[in-house]
C-alpha cells in the first residue's frame, strides 16, 4: 500500500477530487499555503494499493494543468519602495507536486 501526497493549485482541486472520486479513490483534502506565489493550494492525501498507483497518477496529471500567470515582483530589499515600479512577469503555475510513500499499516476506525 502507498500514500500519495499531491500538492495542487486551488483552481484544480475540485476537478481533481471529483475525478478521483469517480474512479473510487478516497482522498483527504488539506488546505495549505506556500510556494513561490504564496497563494493557497490544496494537498490531497490518497491511500491506494500498489497496483492502482499508475491510474491515480494519470488522473492527477490529466486534471492539474500548467498555465502561465502574470505576477508583480516583490520590491527589492533595502531599496526605496516609492520609486520602485514593478513590471509584471510571466510565471508557470499549476500542475502537481506528487510524493509517494510506502505505508506499513492502515487502520480505519
N, C-alpha and C. Protein backbone atom coordinates (compact mmCIF):
# COMPACT_ATOMS: atom_id res chain seq x y z
N UNK A 1 0.85 -1.18 0.00
CA UNK A 1 0.00 0.00 0.00
C UNK A 1 0.89 1.23 0.00
N UNK A 2 0.40 2.29 -0.65
CA UNK A 2 1.14 3.55 -0.76
C UNK A 2 0.25 4.71 -0.34
N UNK A 3 0.91 5.79 0.08
CA UNK A 3 0.23 7.05 0.34
C UNK A 3 0.73 8.04 -0.69
N UNK A 4 -0.19 8.56 -1.49
CA UNK A 4 0.15 9.59 -2.47
C UNK A 4 -0.20 10.93 -1.84
N UNK A 5 0.78 11.83 -1.81
CA UNK A 5 0.55 13.19 -1.35
C UNK A 5 0.71 14.08 -2.57
N UNK A 6 -0.37 14.74 -2.97
CA UNK A 6 -0.37 15.58 -4.17
C UNK A 6 -0.67 17.02 -3.77
N UNK A 7 0.24 17.92 -4.08
CA UNK A 7 0.05 19.35 -3.83
C UNK A 7 -0.35 19.98 -5.15
N UNK A 8 -1.57 20.54 -5.18
CA UNK A 8 -2.11 21.11 -6.42
C UNK A 8 -2.61 22.53 -6.16
N UNK A 9 -2.78 23.28 -7.22
CA UNK A 9 -3.31 24.63 -7.09
C UNK A 9 -4.80 24.56 -6.78
N UNK A 10 -5.29 25.50 -5.97
CA UNK A 10 -6.71 25.51 -5.58
C UNK A 10 -7.64 25.43 -6.79
N UNK A 11 -7.26 26.06 -7.89
CA UNK A 11 -8.11 26.06 -9.08
C UNK A 11 -8.33 24.67 -9.65
N UNK A 12 -7.41 23.75 -9.38
CA UNK A 12 -7.50 22.39 -9.91
C UNK A 12 -8.09 21.39 -8.91
N UNK A 13 -8.22 21.78 -7.64
CA UNK A 13 -8.54 20.81 -6.60
C UNK A 13 -9.92 20.17 -6.73
N UNK A 14 -10.95 20.95 -7.02
CA UNK A 14 -12.30 20.37 -7.12
C UNK A 14 -12.41 19.40 -8.29
N UNK A 15 -11.86 19.80 -9.44
CA UNK A 15 -11.90 18.93 -10.61
C UNK A 15 -11.15 17.62 -10.31
N UNK A 16 -10.00 17.74 -9.64
CA UNK A 16 -9.21 16.55 -9.32
C UNK A 16 -9.92 15.64 -8.32
N UNK A 17 -10.46 16.20 -7.25
CA UNK A 17 -11.14 15.35 -6.25
C UNK A 17 -12.36 14.66 -6.85
N UNK A 18 -13.08 15.34 -7.75
CA UNK A 18 -14.22 14.71 -8.42
C UNK A 18 -13.76 13.55 -9.32
N UNK A 19 -12.68 13.76 -10.06
CA UNK A 19 -12.17 12.70 -10.94
C UNK A 19 -11.67 11.51 -10.14
N UNK A 20 -10.98 11.78 -9.04
CA UNK A 20 -10.51 10.68 -8.19
C UNK A 20 -11.68 9.92 -7.58
N UNK A 21 -12.69 10.65 -7.13
CA UNK A 21 -13.87 10.02 -6.55
C UNK A 21 -14.61 9.16 -7.58
N UNK A 22 -14.70 9.65 -8.82
CA UNK A 22 -15.36 8.89 -9.89
C UNK A 22 -14.67 7.55 -10.13
N UNK A 23 -13.37 7.49 -9.84
CA UNK A 23 -12.61 6.25 -10.04
C UNK A 23 -12.39 5.50 -8.71
N UNK A 24 -13.22 5.84 -7.71
CA UNK A 24 -13.24 5.17 -6.40
C UNK A 24 -11.97 5.34 -5.56
N UNK A 25 -11.27 6.45 -5.73
CA UNK A 25 -10.16 6.78 -4.85
C UNK A 25 -10.70 7.66 -3.73
N UNK A 26 -10.38 7.31 -2.50
CA UNK A 26 -10.78 8.13 -1.37
C UNK A 26 -9.65 9.10 -1.05
N UNK A 27 -10.01 10.36 -0.81
CA UNK A 27 -8.99 11.38 -0.57
C UNK A 27 -9.27 12.13 0.72
N UNK A 28 -8.23 12.65 1.29
CA UNK A 28 -8.33 13.60 2.39
C UNK A 28 -7.75 14.91 1.88
N UNK A 29 -8.52 15.97 2.00
CA UNK A 29 -8.16 17.27 1.42
C UNK A 29 -7.70 18.21 2.54
N UNK A 30 -6.52 18.78 2.37
CA UNK A 30 -5.97 19.73 3.34
C UNK A 30 -5.74 21.07 2.64
N UNK A 31 -6.19 22.15 3.24
CA UNK A 31 -5.92 23.49 2.72
C UNK A 31 -4.52 23.90 3.16
N UNK A 32 -3.68 24.24 2.20
CA UNK A 32 -2.30 24.60 2.51
C UNK A 32 -1.92 25.87 1.76
N UNK A 33 -0.85 26.50 2.20
CA UNK A 33 -0.34 27.70 1.56
C UNK A 33 1.15 27.58 1.42
N UNK A 34 1.67 28.15 0.37
CA UNK A 34 3.12 28.14 0.23
C UNK A 34 3.53 28.31 -1.21
N UNK A 35 4.78 28.04 -1.44
CA UNK A 35 5.30 28.14 -2.78
C UNK A 35 5.74 29.54 -3.12
N UNK A 36 6.16 29.68 -4.34
CA UNK A 36 6.72 30.93 -4.84
C UNK A 36 5.72 32.08 -4.78
N UNK A 37 4.47 31.83 -5.11
CA UNK A 37 3.47 32.91 -5.17
C UNK A 37 2.76 33.15 -3.85
N UNK A 38 3.03 32.33 -2.83
CA UNK A 38 2.39 32.46 -1.52
C UNK A 38 0.88 32.42 -1.63
N UNK A 39 0.37 31.66 -2.59
CA UNK A 39 -1.07 31.53 -2.79
C UNK A 39 -1.55 30.23 -2.18
N UNK A 40 -2.86 30.13 -2.01
CA UNK A 40 -3.43 28.92 -1.47
C UNK A 40 -3.28 27.76 -2.44
N UNK A 41 -3.05 26.61 -1.88
CA UNK A 41 -3.06 25.40 -2.67
C UNK A 41 -3.73 24.32 -1.85
N UNK A 42 -3.89 23.17 -2.43
CA UNK A 42 -4.56 22.06 -1.77
C UNK A 42 -3.63 20.87 -1.76
N UNK A 43 -3.54 20.21 -0.61
CA UNK A 43 -2.77 18.99 -0.51
C UNK A 43 -3.75 17.84 -0.33
N UNK A 44 -3.66 16.87 -1.22
CA UNK A 44 -4.52 15.70 -1.15
C UNK A 44 -3.71 14.51 -0.68
N UNK A 45 -4.26 13.77 0.26
CA UNK A 45 -3.66 12.51 0.70
C UNK A 45 -4.54 11.39 0.16
N UNK A 46 -3.92 10.49 -0.59
CA UNK A 46 -4.66 9.43 -1.26
C UNK A 46 -4.00 8.11 -0.91
N UNK A 47 -4.70 7.25 -0.22
CA UNK A 47 -4.18 5.92 0.07
C UNK A 47 -4.64 4.96 -1.01
N UNK A 48 -3.72 4.16 -1.57
CA UNK A 48 -4.14 3.21 -2.59
C UNK A 48 -3.20 2.01 -2.64
N UNK A 49 -3.72 0.95 -3.21
CA UNK A 49 -2.93 -0.26 -3.40
C UNK A 49 -1.88 -0.01 -4.48
N UNK A 50 -0.79 -0.75 -4.40
CA UNK A 50 0.33 -0.57 -5.33
C UNK A 50 -0.11 -0.67 -6.79
N UNK A 51 -1.03 -1.57 -7.10
CA UNK A 51 -1.43 -1.77 -8.49
C UNK A 51 -2.27 -0.63 -9.04
N UNK A 52 -2.73 0.30 -8.19
CA UNK A 52 -3.56 1.42 -8.64
C UNK A 52 -2.79 2.75 -8.71
N UNK A 53 -1.50 2.71 -8.41
CA UNK A 53 -0.68 3.94 -8.42
C UNK A 53 -0.70 4.61 -9.78
N UNK A 54 -0.47 3.85 -10.85
CA UNK A 54 -0.42 4.44 -12.20
C UNK A 54 -1.74 5.09 -12.58
N UNK A 55 -2.85 4.48 -12.21
CA UNK A 55 -4.16 5.04 -12.50
C UNK A 55 -4.36 6.37 -11.76
N UNK A 56 -3.98 6.41 -10.49
CA UNK A 56 -4.11 7.65 -9.70
C UNK A 56 -3.22 8.75 -10.28
N UNK A 57 -1.99 8.41 -10.66
CA UNK A 57 -1.08 9.41 -11.23
C UNK A 57 -1.61 9.96 -12.56
N UNK A 58 -2.23 9.10 -13.36
CA UNK A 58 -2.80 9.57 -14.63
C UNK A 58 -3.94 10.56 -14.37
N UNK A 59 -4.79 10.25 -13.40
CA UNK A 59 -5.89 11.16 -13.06
C UNK A 59 -5.35 12.50 -12.59
N UNK A 60 -4.31 12.47 -11.75
CA UNK A 60 -3.71 13.72 -11.26
C UNK A 60 -3.14 14.51 -12.43
N UNK A 61 -2.40 13.84 -13.30
CA UNK A 61 -1.78 14.53 -14.45
C UNK A 61 -2.83 15.11 -15.38
N UNK A 62 -3.91 14.37 -15.63
CA UNK A 62 -4.95 14.83 -16.55
C UNK A 62 -5.77 16.00 -16.01
N UNK A 63 -5.81 16.19 -14.69
CA UNK A 63 -6.67 17.21 -14.09
C UNK A 63 -5.95 18.39 -13.48
N UNK A 64 -4.65 18.42 -13.56
CA UNK A 64 -3.87 19.52 -12.98
C UNK A 64 -3.03 20.15 -14.08
N UNK A 65 -3.61 21.13 -14.75
CA UNK A 65 -2.95 21.73 -15.90
C UNK A 65 -1.97 22.82 -15.48
N UNK A 66 -0.91 22.93 -16.28
CA UNK A 66 0.04 24.03 -16.08
C UNK A 66 -0.41 25.19 -16.96
N UNK A 67 -0.24 26.41 -16.46
CA UNK A 67 -0.62 27.60 -17.20
C UNK A 67 0.28 28.76 -16.79
N UNK A 68 0.27 29.81 -17.58
CA UNK A 68 1.07 30.99 -17.26
C UNK A 68 0.22 32.01 -16.53
N UNK A 69 0.85 32.72 -15.60
CA UNK A 69 0.16 33.74 -14.83
C UNK A 69 1.08 34.94 -14.71
N UNK A 70 0.52 36.13 -14.81
CA UNK A 70 1.30 37.36 -14.65
C UNK A 70 1.35 37.72 -13.17
N UNK A 71 2.55 37.98 -12.65
CA UNK A 71 2.71 38.38 -11.26
C UNK A 71 3.64 39.59 -11.19
N UNK A 72 3.42 40.44 -10.19
CA UNK A 72 4.28 41.59 -9.96
C UNK A 72 5.38 41.16 -8.99
N UNK A 73 6.63 41.38 -9.34
CA UNK A 73 7.71 41.00 -8.44
C UNK A 73 7.69 41.84 -7.16
N UNK A 74 8.25 41.28 -6.11
CA UNK A 74 8.33 41.96 -4.82
C UNK A 74 9.41 43.04 -4.91
N UNK A 75 9.19 44.19 -4.23
CA UNK A 75 10.18 45.27 -4.28
C UNK A 75 11.49 44.80 -3.66
N UNK A 76 12.62 45.28 -4.19
CA UNK A 76 13.92 44.84 -3.68
C UNK A 76 14.14 45.30 -2.25
N UNK A 77 14.77 44.46 -1.47
CA UNK A 77 15.06 44.79 -0.07
C UNK A 77 16.05 45.95 0.00
N UNK A 78 15.82 46.85 0.91
CA UNK A 78 16.74 47.97 1.10
C UNK A 78 16.55 49.10 0.11
N UNK A 79 15.75 48.88 -0.92
CA UNK A 79 15.53 49.93 -1.90
C UNK A 79 14.39 50.83 -1.48
N UNK A 80 14.26 51.93 -2.16
CA UNK A 80 13.18 52.86 -1.89
C UNK A 80 11.94 52.36 -2.63
N UNK A 81 10.96 51.91 -1.89
CA UNK A 81 9.75 51.34 -2.48
C UNK A 81 8.93 52.38 -3.23
N UNK A 82 9.09 53.67 -2.90
CA UNK A 82 8.33 54.72 -3.58
C UNK A 82 8.73 54.85 -5.05
N UNK A 83 9.98 54.61 -5.37
CA UNK A 83 10.45 54.78 -6.74
C UNK A 83 10.48 53.46 -7.50
N UNK A 84 10.12 52.38 -6.85
CA UNK A 84 10.16 51.06 -7.49
C UNK A 84 8.84 50.81 -8.22
N UNK A 85 8.90 50.63 -9.53
CA UNK A 85 7.71 50.33 -10.32
C UNK A 85 7.87 48.90 -10.84
N UNK A 86 7.11 47.98 -10.25
CA UNK A 86 7.28 46.58 -10.66
C UNK A 86 6.73 46.33 -12.05
N UNK A 87 7.45 45.56 -12.83
CA UNK A 87 6.99 45.15 -14.14
C UNK A 87 6.51 43.70 -14.01
N UNK A 88 5.24 43.45 -14.32
CA UNK A 88 4.74 42.08 -14.19
C UNK A 88 5.54 41.11 -15.07
N UNK A 89 5.73 39.92 -14.55
CA UNK A 89 6.44 38.88 -15.28
C UNK A 89 5.54 37.64 -15.36
N UNK A 90 5.75 36.85 -16.41
CA UNK A 90 5.00 35.60 -16.56
C UNK A 90 5.72 34.49 -15.81
N UNK A 91 4.95 33.73 -15.05
CA UNK A 91 5.48 32.54 -14.38
C UNK A 91 4.54 31.38 -14.68
N UNK A 92 5.10 30.18 -14.69
CA UNK A 92 4.29 28.99 -14.92
C UNK A 92 3.75 28.49 -13.59
N UNK A 93 2.45 28.30 -13.52
CA UNK A 93 1.80 27.82 -12.30
C UNK A 93 0.96 26.59 -12.64
N UNK A 94 0.47 25.95 -11.62
CA UNK A 94 -0.38 24.79 -11.82
C UNK A 94 0.43 23.52 -11.83
N UNK A 95 -0.18 22.48 -12.37
CA UNK A 95 0.46 21.18 -12.32
C UNK A 95 0.30 20.59 -10.93
N UNK A 96 1.11 19.63 -10.62
CA UNK A 96 1.04 18.98 -9.31
C UNK A 96 2.43 18.55 -8.88
N UNK A 97 2.66 18.61 -7.59
CA UNK A 97 3.85 18.03 -6.99
C UNK A 97 3.38 16.82 -6.22
N UNK A 98 3.93 15.65 -6.55
CA UNK A 98 3.42 14.40 -6.02
C UNK A 98 4.52 13.64 -5.29
N UNK A 99 4.20 13.16 -4.10
CA UNK A 99 5.09 12.31 -3.31
C UNK A 99 4.39 10.97 -3.12
N UNK A 100 5.13 9.89 -3.24
CA UNK A 100 4.56 8.56 -2.99
C UNK A 100 5.36 7.91 -1.88
N UNK A 101 4.66 7.55 -0.80
CA UNK A 101 5.30 6.99 0.39
C UNK A 101 4.79 5.59 0.66
N UNK A 102 5.67 4.70 1.12
CA UNK A 102 5.19 3.36 1.49
C UNK A 102 4.42 3.42 2.80
N UNK A 103 3.39 2.62 2.90
CA UNK A 103 2.57 2.56 4.12
C UNK A 103 2.78 1.19 4.76
N UNK A 104 3.20 1.21 6.00
CA UNK A 104 3.41 -0.05 6.72
C UNK A 104 2.10 -0.66 7.17
N UNK A 105 1.20 0.16 7.67
CA UNK A 105 -0.11 -0.33 8.06
C UNK A 105 -1.13 0.78 7.94
N UNK A 106 -2.41 0.36 7.90
CA UNK A 106 -3.50 1.28 7.67
C UNK A 106 -4.68 0.83 8.53
N UNK A 107 -5.29 1.77 9.25
CA UNK A 107 -6.42 1.44 10.12
C UNK A 107 -7.55 2.43 9.86
N UNK A 108 -8.77 1.95 9.87
CA UNK A 108 -9.94 2.82 9.76
C UNK A 108 -10.85 2.47 10.93
N UNK A 109 -11.15 3.45 11.76
CA UNK A 109 -11.97 3.22 12.95
C UNK A 109 -13.31 3.88 12.80
